[in-house]
PDB file of all heavy atoms in Angstrom:
ATOM      1  N   ALA A   1      -5.553   9.719 -19.571  1.00  0.00           N
ATOM      2  CA  ALA A   1      -5.063   8.346 -19.465  1.00  0.00           C
ATOM      3  C   ALA A   1      -3.679   8.303 -18.782  1.00  0.00           C
ATOM      4  O   ALA A   1      -3.415   7.428 -17.965  1.00  0.00           O
ATOM      5  CB  ALA A   1      -4.961   7.712 -20.860  1.00  0.00           C
ATOM      6  N   LEU A   2      -2.839   9.266 -19.145  1.00  0.00           N
ATOM      7  CA  LEU A   2      -1.499   9.371 -18.574  1.00  0.00           C
ATOM      8  C   LEU A   2      -1.632   9.670 -17.065  1.00  0.00           C
ATOM      9  O   LEU A   2      -0.895   9.041 -16.257  1.00  0.00           O
ATOM     10  CB  LEU A   2      -0.671  10.441 -19.258  1.00  0.00           C
ATOM     11  CG  LEU A   2       0.765  10.606 -18.795  1.00  0.00           C
ATOM     12  CD1 LEU A   2       1.565   9.348 -19.073  1.00  0.00           C
ATOM     13  CD2 LEU A   2       1.439  11.785 -19.493  1.00  0.00           C
ATOM     14  N   TYR A   3      -2.495  10.590 -16.721  1.00  0.00           N
ATOM     15  CA  TYR A   3      -2.700  10.935 -15.304  1.00  0.00           C
ATOM     16  C   TYR A   3      -3.150   9.709 -14.483  1.00  0.00           C
ATOM     17  O   TYR A   3      -2.576   9.383 -13.412  1.00  0.00           O
ATOM     18  CB  TYR A   3      -3.730  12.047 -15.176  1.00  0.00           C
ATOM     19  CG  TYR A   3      -4.249  12.288 -13.789  1.00  0.00           C
ATOM     20  CD1 TYR A   3      -3.510  13.058 -12.896  1.00  0.00           C
ATOM     21  CD2 TYR A   3      -5.462  11.777 -13.367  1.00  0.00           C
ATOM     22  CE1 TYR A   3      -3.961  13.271 -11.631  1.00  0.00           C
ATOM     23  CE2 TYR A   3      -5.939  12.011 -12.105  1.00  0.00           C
ATOM     24  CZ  TYR A   3      -5.186  12.731 -11.234  1.00  0.00           C
ATOM     25  OH  TYR A   3      -5.642  12.902  -9.978  1.00  0.00           O
ATOM     26  N   HIS A   4      -4.161   8.972 -14.961  1.00  0.00           N
ATOM     27  CA  HIS A   4      -4.634   7.820 -14.251  1.00  0.00           C
ATOM     28  C   HIS A   4      -3.628   6.708 -14.151  1.00  0.00           C
ATOM     29  O   HIS A   4      -3.556   6.002 -13.125  1.00  0.00           O
ATOM     30  CB  HIS A   4      -5.934   7.351 -14.828  1.00  0.00           C
ATOM     31  CG  HIS A   4      -7.161   8.183 -14.475  1.00  0.00           C
ATOM     32  ND1 HIS A   4      -7.583   9.254 -15.209  1.00  0.00           N
ATOM     33  CD2 HIS A   4      -7.961   8.116 -13.394  1.00  0.00           C
ATOM     34  CE1 HIS A   4      -8.634   9.794 -14.663  1.00  0.00           C
ATOM     35  NE2 HIS A   4      -8.884   9.123 -13.538  1.00  0.00           N
ATOM     36  N   ALA A   5      -2.831   6.571 -15.179  1.00  0.00           N
ATOM     37  CA  ALA A   5      -1.743   5.551 -15.171  1.00  0.00           C
ATOM     38  C   ALA A   5      -0.745   5.888 -14.097  1.00  0.00           C
ATOM     39  O   ALA A   5      -0.286   5.039 -13.298  1.00  0.00           O
ATOM     40  CB  ALA A   5      -1.097   5.411 -16.493  1.00  0.00           C
ATOM     41  N   ALA A   6      -0.364   7.198 -14.026  1.00  0.00           N
ATOM     42  CA  ALA A   6       0.619   7.609 -13.001  1.00  0.00           C
ATOM     43  C   ALA A   6       0.043   7.490 -11.603  1.00  0.00           C
ATOM     44  O   ALA A   6       0.719   7.036 -10.667  1.00  0.00           O
ATOM     45  CB  ALA A   6       1.057   9.016 -13.286  1.00  0.00           C
ATOM     46  N   VAL A   7      -1.219   7.862 -11.458  1.00  0.00           N
ATOM     47  CA  VAL A   7      -1.876   7.815 -10.150  1.00  0.00           C
ATOM     48  C   VAL A   7      -2.021   6.371  -9.648  1.00  0.00           C
ATOM     49  O   VAL A   7      -1.807   6.028  -8.505  1.00  0.00           O
ATOM     50  CB  VAL A   7      -3.286   8.467 -10.160  1.00  0.00           C
ATOM     51  CG1 VAL A   7      -4.094   8.110  -8.958  1.00  0.00           C
ATOM     52  CG2 VAL A   7      -3.117   9.991 -10.277  1.00  0.00           C
ATOM     53  N   GLU A   8      -2.356   5.479 -10.610  1.00  0.00           N
ATOM     54  CA  GLU A   8      -2.470   4.060 -10.279  1.00  0.00           C
ATOM     55  C   GLU A   8      -1.110   3.493  -9.797  1.00  0.00           C
ATOM     56  O   GLU A   8      -1.049   2.672  -8.872  1.00  0.00           O
ATOM     57  CB  GLU A   8      -3.010   3.298 -11.469  1.00  0.00           C
ATOM     58  CG  GLU A   8      -3.377   1.850 -11.108  1.00  0.00           C
ATOM     59  CD  GLU A   8      -4.482   1.721 -10.087  1.00  0.00           C
ATOM     60  OE1 GLU A   8      -5.309   2.645 -10.009  1.00  0.00           O
ATOM     61  OE2 GLU A   8      -4.448   0.737  -9.353  1.00  0.00           O
ATOM     62  N   ARG A   9      -0.049   3.958 -10.464  1.00  0.00           N
ATOM     63  CA  ARG A   9       1.243   3.478 -10.063  1.00  0.00           C
ATOM     64  C   ARG A   9       1.588   3.969  -8.630  1.00  0.00           C
ATOM     65  O   ARG A   9       2.157   3.183  -7.816  1.00  0.00           O
ATOM     66  CB  ARG A   9       2.280   3.986 -11.041  1.00  0.00           C
ATOM     67  CG  ARG A   9       3.703   3.409 -10.780  1.00  0.00           C
ATOM     68  CD  ARG A   9       4.677   3.809 -11.919  1.00  0.00           C
ATOM     69  NE  ARG A   9       5.976   3.248 -11.686  1.00  0.00           N
ATOM     70  CZ  ARG A   9       6.318   2.016 -12.039  1.00  0.00           C
ATOM     71  NH1 ARG A   9       5.465   1.249 -12.633  1.00  0.00           N
ATOM     72  NH2 ARG A   9       7.558   1.586 -11.813  1.00  0.00           N
ATOM     73  N   VAL A  10       1.253   5.178  -8.333  1.00  0.00           N
ATOM     74  CA  VAL A  10       1.455   5.733  -6.994  1.00  0.00           C
ATOM     75  C   VAL A  10       0.609   4.932  -5.971  1.00  0.00           C
ATOM     76  O   VAL A  10       1.082   4.598  -4.901  1.00  0.00           O
ATOM     77  CB  VAL A  10       1.066   7.186  -6.930  1.00  0.00           C
ATOM     78  CG1 VAL A  10       1.113   7.733  -5.473  1.00  0.00           C
ATOM     79  CG2 VAL A  10       2.024   8.066  -7.752  1.00  0.00           C
ATOM     80  N   GLY A  11      -0.613   4.591  -6.359  1.00  0.00           N
ATOM     81  CA  GLY A  11      -1.512   3.894  -5.483  1.00  0.00           C
ATOM     82  C   GLY A  11      -1.067   2.473  -5.159  1.00  0.00           C
ATOM     83  O   GLY A  11      -1.495   1.904  -4.131  1.00  0.00           O
ATOM     84  N   GLN A  12      -0.189   1.915  -5.934  1.00  0.00           N
ATOM     85  CA  GLN A  12       0.309   0.544  -5.644  1.00  0.00           C
ATOM     86  C   GLN A  12       1.107   0.476  -4.360  1.00  0.00           C
ATOM     87  O   GLN A  12       1.179  -0.610  -3.748  1.00  0.00           O
ATOM     88  CB  GLN A  12       1.170   0.066  -6.838  1.00  0.00           C
ATOM     89  CG  GLN A  12       0.388  -0.177  -8.108  1.00  0.00           C
ATOM     90  CD  GLN A  12       1.243  -0.558  -9.307  1.00  0.00           C
ATOM     91  OE1 GLN A  12       2.504  -0.629  -9.167  1.00  0.00           O
ATOM     92  NE2 GLN A  12       0.653  -0.737 -10.448  1.00  0.00           N
ATOM     93  N   GLY A  13       1.608   1.618  -3.945  1.00  0.00           N
ATOM     94  CA  GLY A  13       2.367   1.603  -2.682  1.00  0.00           C
ATOM     95  C   GLY A  13       1.453   1.315  -1.492  1.00  0.00           C
ATOM     96  O   GLY A  13       1.938   1.066  -0.373  1.00  0.00           O
ATOM     97  N   ASN A  14       0.122   1.489  -1.663  1.00  0.00           N
ATOM     98  CA  ASN A  14      -0.785   1.255  -0.560  1.00  0.00           C
ATOM     99  C   ASN A  14      -0.712  -0.207  -0.067  1.00  0.00           C
ATOM    100  O   ASN A  14      -1.014  -0.422   1.147  1.00  0.00           O
ATOM    101  CB  ASN A  14      -2.221   1.580  -1.022  1.00  0.00           C
ATOM    102  CG  ASN A  14      -3.252   1.389   0.049  1.00  0.00           C
ATOM    103  OD1 ASN A  14      -3.218   2.073   1.053  1.00  0.00           O
ATOM    104  ND2 ASN A  14      -4.135   0.422  -0.132  1.00  0.00           N
ATOM    105  N   ALA A  15      -0.410  -1.105  -0.930  1.00  0.00           N
ATOM    106  CA  ALA A  15      -0.334  -2.503  -0.554  1.00  0.00           C
ATOM    107  C   ALA A  15       1.027  -2.938   0.058  1.00  0.00           C
ATOM    108  O   ALA A  15       1.151  -4.068   0.504  1.00  0.00           O
ATOM    109  CB  ALA A  15      -0.666  -3.390  -1.733  1.00  0.00           C
ATOM    110  N   ALA A  16       1.992  -2.076   0.015  1.00  0.00           N
ATOM    111  CA  ALA A  16       3.288  -2.401   0.516  1.00  0.00           C
ATOM    112  C   ALA A  16       3.294  -2.765   1.990  1.00  0.00           C
ATOM    113  O   ALA A  16       2.691  -2.075   2.819  1.00  0.00           O
ATOM    114  CB  ALA A  16       4.279  -1.233   0.263  1.00  0.00           C
ATOM    115  N   ILE A  17       3.938  -3.882   2.351  1.00  0.00           N
ATOM    116  CA  ILE A  17       4.045  -4.315   3.748  1.00  0.00           C
ATOM    117  C   ILE A  17       5.340  -3.738   4.315  1.00  0.00           C
ATOM    118  O   ILE A  17       6.415  -4.039   3.834  1.00  0.00           O
ATOM    119  CB  ILE A  17       4.061  -5.832   3.810  1.00  0.00           C
ATOM    120  CG1 ILE A  17       2.829  -6.438   3.184  1.00  0.00           C
ATOM    121  CG2 ILE A  17       4.134  -6.302   5.303  1.00  0.00           C
ATOM    122  CD1 ILE A  17       1.510  -6.078   3.854  1.00  0.00           C
ATOM    123  N   GLU A  18       5.247  -2.932   5.357  1.00  0.00           N
ATOM    124  CA  GLU A  18       6.366  -2.289   5.974  1.00  0.00           C
ATOM    125  C   GLU A  18       6.881  -3.181   7.134  1.00  0.00           C
ATOM    126  O   GLU A  18       6.139  -3.872   7.824  1.00  0.00           O
ATOM    127  CB  GLU A  18       5.997  -0.951   6.561  1.00  0.00           C
ATOM    128  CG  GLU A  18       5.528  -0.022   5.426  1.00  0.00           C
ATOM    129  CD  GLU A  18       4.811   1.235   5.985  1.00  0.00           C
ATOM    130  OE1 GLU A  18       3.916   1.036   6.793  1.00  0.00           O
ATOM    131  OE2 GLU A  18       5.203   2.389   5.650  1.00  0.00           O
ATOM    132  N   ALA A  19       8.248  -3.216   7.309  1.00  0.00           N
ATOM    133  CA  ALA A  19       8.856  -4.060   8.253  1.00  0.00           C
ATOM    134  C   ALA A  19       8.296  -3.886   9.692  1.00  0.00           C
ATOM    135  O   ALA A  19       8.145  -4.815  10.425  1.00  0.00           O
ATOM    136  CB  ALA A  19      10.357  -3.847   8.212  1.00  0.00           C
ATOM    137  N   GLY A  20       8.023  -2.637  10.039  1.00  0.00           N
ATOM    138  CA  GLY A  20       7.528  -2.373  11.380  1.00  0.00           C
ATOM    139  C   GLY A  20       6.039  -2.654  11.570  1.00  0.00           C
ATOM    140  O   GLY A  20       5.572  -2.585  12.706  1.00  0.00           O
ATOM    141  N   TYR A  21       5.351  -2.922  10.468  1.00  0.00           N
ATOM    142  CA  TYR A  21       3.876  -3.134  10.554  1.00  0.00           C
ATOM    143  C   TYR A  21       3.519  -4.343   9.743  1.00  0.00           C
ATOM    144  O   TYR A  21       2.608  -4.240   8.888  1.00  0.00           O
ATOM    145  CB  TYR A  21       3.206  -1.885  10.027  1.00  0.00           C
ATOM    146  CG  TYR A  21       3.461  -0.652  10.892  1.00  0.00           C
ATOM    147  CD1 TYR A  21       4.514   0.192  10.612  1.00  0.00           C
ATOM    148  CD2 TYR A  21       2.697  -0.347  11.990  1.00  0.00           C
ATOM    149  CE1 TYR A  21       4.790   1.337  11.367  1.00  0.00           C
ATOM    150  CE2 TYR A  21       2.942   0.734  12.766  1.00  0.00           C
ATOM    151  CZ  TYR A  21       3.999   1.566  12.456  1.00  0.00           C
ATOM    152  OH  TYR A  21       4.238   2.687  13.228  1.00  0.00           O
ATOM    153  N   ASP A  22       4.219  -5.447   9.963  1.00  0.00           N
ATOM    154  CA  ASP A  22       3.953  -6.663   9.129  1.00  0.00           C
ATOM    155  C   ASP A  22       3.261  -7.764   9.913  1.00  0.00           C
ATOM    156  O   ASP A  22       3.077  -8.859   9.386  1.00  0.00           O
ATOM    157  CB  ASP A  22       5.265  -7.170   8.568  1.00  0.00           C
ATOM    158  CG  ASP A  22       6.311  -7.441   9.661  1.00  0.00           C
ATOM    159  OD1 ASP A  22       6.065  -7.044  10.821  1.00  0.00           O
ATOM    160  OD2 ASP A  22       7.362  -8.024   9.352  1.00  0.00           O
ATOM    161  N   ARG A  23       2.870  -7.504  11.142  1.00  0.00           N
ATOM    162  CA  ARG A  23       2.199  -8.526  11.954  1.00  0.00           C
ATOM    163  C   ARG A  23       0.787  -8.059  12.332  1.00  0.00           C
ATOM    164  O   ARG A  23       0.652  -6.954  12.840  1.00  0.00           O
ATOM    165  CB  ARG A  23       3.018  -8.842  13.192  1.00  0.00           C
ATOM    166  CG  ARG A  23       4.359  -9.487  12.931  1.00  0.00           C
ATOM    167  CD  ARG A  23       5.072  -9.845  14.213  1.00  0.00           C
ATOM    168  NE  ARG A  23       6.358 -10.413  14.002  1.00  0.00           N
ATOM    169  CZ  ARG A  23       7.244 -10.885  14.928  1.00  0.00           C
ATOM    170  NH1 ARG A  23       6.842 -10.764  16.191  1.00  0.00           N
ATOM    171  NH2 ARG A  23       8.368 -11.363  14.601  1.00  0.00           N
ATOM    172  N   ALA A  24      -0.147  -8.979  12.158  1.00  0.00           N
ATOM    173  CA  ALA A  24      -1.544  -8.675  12.543  1.00  0.00           C
ATOM    174  C   ALA A  24      -1.594  -8.493  14.080  1.00  0.00           C
ATOM    175  O   ALA A  24      -0.968  -9.198  14.804  1.00  0.00           O
ATOM    176  CB  ALA A  24      -2.482  -9.763  12.078  1.00  0.00           C
ATOM    177  N   PRO A  25      -2.369  -7.519  14.492  1.00  0.00           N
ATOM    178  CA  PRO A  25      -2.530  -7.300  15.950  1.00  0.00           C
ATOM    179  C   PRO A  25      -3.192  -8.490  16.656  1.00  0.00           C
ATOM    180  O   PRO A  25      -4.000  -9.226  16.038  1.00  0.00           O
ATOM    181  CB  PRO A  25      -3.378  -6.038  16.066  1.00  0.00           C
ATOM    182  CG  PRO A  25      -4.085  -5.940  14.756  1.00  0.00           C
ATOM    183  CD  PRO A  25      -3.209  -6.574  13.753  1.00  0.00           C
ATOM    184  N   SER A  26      -2.901  -8.677  17.920  1.00  0.00           N
ATOM    185  CA  SER A  26      -3.445  -9.804  18.676  1.00  0.00           C
ATOM    186  C   SER A  26      -4.712  -9.344  19.471  1.00  0.00           C
ATOM    187  O   SER A  26      -5.388 -10.217  20.010  1.00  0.00           O
ATOM    188  CB  SER A  26      -2.431 -10.330  19.655  1.00  0.00           C
ATOM    189  OG  SER A  26      -1.951  -9.317  20.554  1.00  0.00           O
ATOM    190  N   ARG A  27      -5.039  -8.078  19.478  1.00  0.00           N
ATOM    191  CA  ARG A  27      -6.173  -7.613  20.206  1.00  0.00           C
ATOM    192  C   ARG A  27      -7.458  -7.794  19.406  1.00  0.00           C
ATOM    193  O   ARG A  27      -7.523  -7.452  18.177  1.00  0.00           O
ATOM    194  CB  ARG A  27      -6.060  -6.120  20.565  1.00  0.00           C
ATOM    195  CG  ARG A  27      -4.904  -5.801  21.522  1.00  0.00           C
ATOM    196  CD  ARG A  27      -5.097  -4.319  21.924  1.00  0.00           C
ATOM    197  NE  ARG A  27      -3.905  -3.791  22.531  1.00  0.00           N
ATOM    198  CZ  ARG A  27      -3.807  -2.534  23.003  1.00  0.00           C
ATOM    199  NH1 ARG A  27      -4.845  -1.708  22.878  1.00  0.00           N
ATOM    200  NH2 ARG A  27      -2.716  -2.140  23.536  1.00  0.00           N
ATOM    201  N   PRO A  28      -8.508  -8.249  19.998  1.00  0.00           N
ATOM    202  CA  PRO A  28      -9.797  -8.359  19.291  1.00  0.00           C
ATOM    203  C   PRO A  28     -10.502  -7.003  19.139  1.00  0.00           C
ATOM    204  O   PRO A  28     -11.474  -6.912  18.389  1.00  0.00           O
ATOM    205  CB  PRO A  28     -10.612  -9.303  20.138  1.00  0.00           C
ATOM    206  CG  PRO A  28     -10.065  -9.119  21.553  1.00  0.00           C
ATOM    207  CD  PRO A  28      -8.584  -8.830  21.348  1.00  0.00           C
TER     208      PRO A  28
END
């Protein structure tokens, strides 16, 4: 349980929006 809680906390960084990559591309 402790391991999965820690891993889940690390995984939350996946949703972070970075300043250099915050705009959707214009190419189809």
